[in-house]
Protein backbone atom coordinates (compact mmCIF):
# COMPACT_ATOMS: atom_id res chain seq x y z
CA PRO A 1 5.51 10.56 -0.17
CA ILE A 2 8.65 11.77 -1.44
CA TYR A 3 11.04 8.76 0.63
CA GLY A 4 14.72 8.10 0.75
CA ALA A 5 16.10 4.17 1.40
CA ASP A 6 18.87 2.27 1.75
CA THR A 7 18.31 -1.49 1.43
CA ARG A 8 20.68 -4.71 2.32
CA LEU A 9 21.03 -7.81 0.80
CA PRO A 10 22.60 -11.07 3.25
CA ASP A 11 25.20 -13.20 1.95
CA VAL A 12 26.84 -10.34 -0.64
CA PRO A 13 30.32 -10.47 -0.24
CA GLY A 14 32.26 -6.35 0.59
CA GLU A 15 29.61 -3.98 -0.31
CA SER A 16 25.81 -4.60 -0.11
CA SER A 17 24.32 -1.62 1.14
CA ILE A 18 22.16 0.40 -1.76
CA ASP A 19 20.93 4.48 -1.34
CA SER A 20 17.70 3.88 -3.04
CA SER A 21 15.70 6.91 -4.88
CA LEU A 22 12.00 6.88 -5.37
CA ASN A 23 10.95 6.02 -8.78
CA GLN A 24 6.76 7.05 -7.71
CA ALA A 25 4.62 5.86 -4.86
CA PHE A 26 1.15 7.11 -3.62
CA LEU A 27 -0.13 7.53 -0.18
CA ALA A 28 -4.14 8.09 0.86
CA ALA A 29 -5.72 7.92 4.76
CA PHE A 30 -8.48 8.44 5.97
CA ARG A 31 -9.97 9.06 9.86
CA VAL A 32 -12.83 8.73 11.30
CA GLU A 33 -14.16 9.63 15.29
CA LYS A 34 -17.24 8.95 17.18
CA GLY A 35 -17.42 10.09 20.75
CA ARG A 36 -14.52 8.67 21.85
CA PHE A 37 -13.58 6.02 19.14
CA ALA A 38 -11.78 6.47 16.26
CA LEU A 39 -10.49 4.00 12.98
CA GLU A 40 -8.20 4.74 10.96
CA GLY A 41 -6.29 3.44 7.75
CA GLY A 42 -4.20 3.87 4.75
CA TYR A 43 -2.67 2.85 2.27
CA LEU A 44 1.36 3.76 0.92
CA TYR A 45 2.89 2.30 -2.61
CA ALA A 46 6.57 3.10 -3.31
CA GLY A 47 8.54 1.95 -6.11
CA LEU A 48 11.78 2.09 -5.12
CA SER A 49 15.33 1.23 -7.04
CA GLY A 50 19.17 1.41 -6.20
CA GLU A 51 22.47 0.38 -7.96
CA ALA A 52 26.01 -0.55 -5.86
CA VAL A 53 29.40 -0.30 -7.62
CA SER A 54 30.71 -3.16 -5.09
CA PRO A 55 29.95 -5.87 -6.40
CA ILE A 56 27.93 -4.99 -9.08
CA LEU A 57 24.15 -4.94 -7.25
CA LYS A 58 20.52 -3.70 -8.88
CA LEU A 59 17.99 -3.70 -6.56
CA GLU A 60 13.99 -2.86 -7.51
CA VAL A 61 11.43 -3.35 -4.78
CA ASP A 62 8.00 -2.89 -4.91
CA THR A 63 6.41 -2.02 -1.35
CA ASN A 64 2.57 -1.63 -0.84
CA ILE A 65 1.02 -1.69 2.73
CA ALA A 66 -2.39 -0.58 4.36
CA ASP A 67 -3.67 -1.09 8.08
CA LEU A 68 -6.04 -0.90 9.13
CA ARG A 69 -6.34 0.41 13.15
CA ALA A 70 -9.63 1.29 16.12
CA GLY A 71 -8.13 3.16 18.71
CA PHE A 72 -9.91 4.77 22.30
CA GLU A 73 -9.20 8.15 23.39
CA VAL A 74 -7.06 7.22 26.95
CA ALA A 75 -7.01 10.98 27.94
CA ARG A 76 -7.68 14.35 25.84
CA ASP A 77 -6.05 14.31 22.34
CA LEU A 78 -4.04 10.26 22.98
CA TYR A 79 -5.24 7.64 21.70
CA LEU A 80 -4.29 3.80 21.81
CA GLU A 81 -4.93 2.17 19.19
CA GLY A 82 -4.47 -1.81 18.03
CA GLY A 83 -5.00 -3.50 14.02
CA VAL A 84 -3.88 -4.85 11.56
CA ARG A 85 -1.40 -4.15 9.01
CA TRP A 86 -0.92 -5.68 5.41
CA MET A 87 2.15 -5.63 4.02
CA ALA A 88 3.28 -6.44 0.59
CA LEU A 89 7.18 -6.51 -1.27
CA ASP A 90 8.22 -7.76 -4.66
CA LEU A 91 11.73 -7.60 -4.93
CA GLN A 92 14.30 -8.61 -7.94
CA ALA A 93 18.27 -8.70 -7.18
CA THR A 94 20.27 -8.01 -10.07
CA LEU A 95 23.86 -9.41 -9.01
CA SER A 96 27.22 -8.48 -11.41
CA ASP A 97 25.99 -10.55 -14.25
CA TYR A 98 24.04 -12.73 -13.15
CA PRO A 99 20.83 -13.35 -13.90
CA ALA A 100 18.07 -11.71 -11.97
CA ALA A 101 16.63 -13.65 -8.79
CA SER A 102 13.42 -12.35 -7.05
CA TRP A 103 11.62 -12.36 -4.19
CA LYS A 104 8.05 -12.22 -3.04
CA HIS A 105 6.76 -11.41 0.69
CA ASP A 106 3.23 -10.86 1.79
CA THR A 107 2.37 -10.53 5.40
CA LEU A 108 -0.73 -9.95 7.57
CA GLU A 109 0.30 -8.60 10.69
CA PRO A 110 -0.61 -7.09 14.02
CA VAL A 111 -0.61 -3.59 15.14
CA VAL A 112 -0.46 -1.76 18.57
CA GLY A 113 0.31 2.20 18.27
CA PHE A 114 -1.25 5.57 19.64
CA THR A 115 -1.77 9.11 18.61
CA TYR A 116 -1.72 11.59 19.95
CA ARG A 117 -3.74 15.01 18.28
CA PRO A 118 -4.27 18.17 20.33
CA LEU A 119 -5.56 21.69 19.70
CA VAL A 120 -2.68 24.78 19.26
CA GLY A 121 -4.90 27.40 18.09
CA LYS A 122 -8.07 27.01 15.94
CA ARG A 123 -7.73 26.39 12.88
CA TRP A 124 -4.69 24.54 14.03
CA ARG A 125 -3.96 20.68 15.56
CA PHE A 126 -1.06 18.94 16.09
CA VAL A 127 -0.61 15.38 15.02
CA LEU A 128 2.20 12.77 16.58
CA HIS A 129 1.42 8.95 15.77
CA GLY A 130 3.45 6.07 16.22
CA ASP A 131 3.30 1.95 15.90
CA VAL A 132 4.79 -1.58 16.35
CA GLY A 133 3.92 -3.89 13.82
CA GLY A 134 4.50 -7.94 13.59
CA LEU A 135 6.85 -8.80 16.54
CA VAL A 136 4.81 -12.44 16.15
CA THR A 137 5.42 -13.07 12.67
CA ASP A 138 8.05 -13.33 9.93
CA SER A 139 8.03 -9.28 9.84
CA THR A 140 9.01 -6.78 11.74
CA THR A 141 7.69 -2.78 10.64
CA ALA A 142 7.27 0.63 13.01
CA THR A 143 6.23 3.93 11.69
CA GLY A 144 6.41 7.10 12.97
CA SER A 145 4.74 10.91 12.15
CA VAL A 146 4.97 14.84 12.83
CA LYS A 147 2.05 16.53 11.65
CA LEU A 148 0.12 20.05 11.42
CA GLU A 149 -3.01 20.37 10.07
CA TRP A 150 -4.34 24.55 9.07
CA GLN A 151 -7.69 24.14 8.44
CA PRO A 152 -8.98 27.54 7.10
CA ALA A 153 -12.75 26.30 5.83
CA LYS A 154 -14.69 23.41 7.17
CA HIS A 155 -13.90 20.58 4.13
CA LEU A 156 -10.30 22.21 3.58
CA ILE A 157 -7.46 20.96 5.82
CA PHE A 158 -4.15 21.41 4.41
CA VAL A 159 -0.85 18.73 6.13
CA VAL A 160 3.10 19.25 6.32
CA GLY A 161 4.95 17.33 8.45
CA GLY A 162 7.83 14.21 8.27
CA THR A 163 7.65 10.46 8.61
CA VAL A 164 9.94 7.61 8.98
CA MET A 165 8.92 3.90 8.11
CA TYR A 166 11.25 0.43 9.29
CA LEU A 167 10.36 -2.97 7.99
CA SER A 168 12.33 -6.34 8.36
CA ALA A 169 11.15 -9.22 6.45
CA GLU A 170 12.82 -12.65 5.84
CA GLY A 171 12.21 -15.37 3.73
CA SER A 172 14.70 -17.24 0.67
CA MET A 173 15.23 -16.56 -2.56
CA GLY A 174 15.59 -20.24 -4.35
CA PRO A 175 19.18 -21.95 -1.85
CA LYS A 176 19.90 -18.30 -0.53
CA SER A 177 18.02 -16.96 3.22
CA VAL A 178 17.60 -13.25 2.33
CA THR A 179 16.34 -10.19 4.82
CA LEU A 180 15.32 -7.26 3.29
CA ASP A 181 15.30 -3.77 6.65
CA GLN A 182 13.94 -1.02 4.52
CA THR A 183 13.93 2.79 6.27
CA LEU A 184 11.61 5.00 4.51
CA TYR A 185 11.42 8.66 5.79
CA GLY A 186 10.83 11.85 4.01
CA PRO A 187 8.26 14.63 3.83
CA ILE A 188 5.12 14.34 4.29
CA LEU A 189 2.60 17.20 2.38
CA GLY A 190 -0.97 16.53 2.26
CA VAL A 191 -4.96 17.53 1.77
CA GLY A 192 -7.26 16.80 3.71
CA ILE A 193 -11.80 17.25 3.29
CA PRO A 194 -12.88 16.97 6.33
CA PHE A 195 -16.96 15.84 6.72
């Protein structure tokens, strides 16, 4: 994945919006189908950092997200899904010349969503996915993606598309409350190995 992000810290005077840069990222996923049932999971790591000039603010966030969803085909190529998502955030913020403050957030939340994946040609498949998680926890996540898969050989798939993910988490950094809102977005380029 190649992502950009916008992160805001509360209780920071002046401009608190940071246009972040991606330092590193890793994404892996799997999907298993049998009859009308499907099982899908994935893992994402993204290391983000950014700076703002007014006030002088440096922010680093390591984001780890893993999810596991079970789906049932309710109509042709349309799966309704439910499962869990684990999200771990490690944030370090430095404001002006003050010492760096850190905050860690770790949560397991329920997720509901859908996947629509019809064939659009002999070797082509369109995949539309959306889900929302949290809502009953101190964090909320929502994801959406559109992909086109091309299978030139029995055990090879090339994937191109785009994705967006919103996450919000609340906690405290010493006596101060903190809310982290991130929007991760960008293109997807991948290779699949079906068997």
